[in-house]
Amino acid sequence: NYMEDHLRNRNRLEAEWQELCNYESDRGAFTIALSEVNTNKNRYIDVLPCKYYHYYYYYYYY
């Protein structure tokens, strides 16, 4: 599981942290959500839907 692998590979947490720090979001991912025709479909005004799913992290936790 995730914790067992983490204990075997001590550099893994640091590598994951560096990946998060280096991440740059695709600003174009929100253009459809911000378009006038879709503003009434957004459930929250301060959270926008994103087209990306984080299967990478799902793999580590299950």
Protein backbone atom coordinates (compact mmCIF):
# COMPACT_ATOMS: atom_id res chain seq x y z
CA ASN A 1 0.00 0.00 0.00
CA TYR A 2 0.96 3.67 -0.09
CA MET A 3 2.53 3.89 3.37
CA GLU A 4 4.56 0.71 2.97
CA ASP A 5 5.96 2.00 -0.30
CA HIS A 6 6.68 5.37 1.31
CA LEU A 7 8.62 3.70 4.13
CA ARG A 8 10.71 1.76 1.60
CA ASN A 9 11.41 4.83 -0.52
CA ARG A 10 12.23 7.79 1.72
CA ASN A 11 12.66 10.19 -1.20
CA ARG A 12 9.14 9.60 -2.48
CA LEU A 13 7.45 12.25 -0.33
CA GLU A 14 10.01 14.86 -1.35
CA ALA A 15 9.56 13.93 -5.03
CA GLU A 16 5.77 14.25 -4.74
CA TRP A 17 6.15 17.63 -3.04
CA GLN A 18 8.41 18.85 -5.85
CA GLU A 19 5.86 17.71 -8.43
CA LEU A 20 3.17 19.73 -6.65
CA CYS A 21 5.41 22.80 -6.39
CA ASN A 22 6.29 22.63 -10.09
CA TYR A 23 2.67 22.19 -11.25
CA GLU A 24 1.26 24.97 -13.41
CA SER A 25 -2.44 24.87 -14.14
CA ASP A 26 -3.79 25.22 -17.63
CA ARG A 27 -5.66 28.54 -17.50
CA GLY A 28 -7.63 27.51 -20.57
CA ALA A 29 -9.25 24.69 -18.61
CA PHE A 30 -11.75 27.14 -17.09
CA THR A 31 -12.78 29.13 -20.16
CA ILE A 32 -15.92 27.08 -20.80
CA ALA A 33 -17.00 27.31 -17.16
CA LEU A 34 -16.55 31.09 -17.24
CA SER A 35 -18.50 31.63 -20.45
CA GLU A 36 -21.74 33.54 -20.02
CA VAL A 37 -23.90 30.66 -21.23
CA ASN A 38 -22.59 28.40 -18.44
CA THR A 39 -22.40 30.75 -15.45
CA ASN A 40 -25.85 29.71 -14.22
CA LYS A 41 -24.74 26.05 -14.27
CA ASN A 42 -21.88 26.62 -11.84
CA ARG A 43 -22.96 25.42 -8.42
CA TYR A 44 -20.51 27.63 -6.53
CA ILE A 45 -19.24 31.02 -7.61
CA ASP A 46 -15.78 30.50 -6.09
CA VAL A 47 -15.14 26.96 -7.43
CA LEU A 48 -14.88 26.17 -11.13
CA PRO A 49 -15.05 22.71 -12.71
CA CYS A 50 -11.82 21.33 -14.06
CA LYS A 51 -11.44 18.94 -16.98
CA TYR A 52 -8.54 17.05 -15.41
CA TYR A 53 -8.88 14.12 -13.05
CA HIS A 54 -6.13 13.09 -10.68
CA TYR A 55 -5.89 9.37 -11.31
CA TYR A 56 -2.22 9.61 -10.40
CA TYR A 57 -3.05 10.28 -6.75
CA TYR A 58 -5.97 7.84 -6.74
CA TYR A 59 -3.48 5.05 -7.56
CA TYR A 60 -1.42 5.75 -4.44
CA TYR A 61 -4.29 5.78 -1.99
CA TYR A 62 -6.09 2.62 -3.13
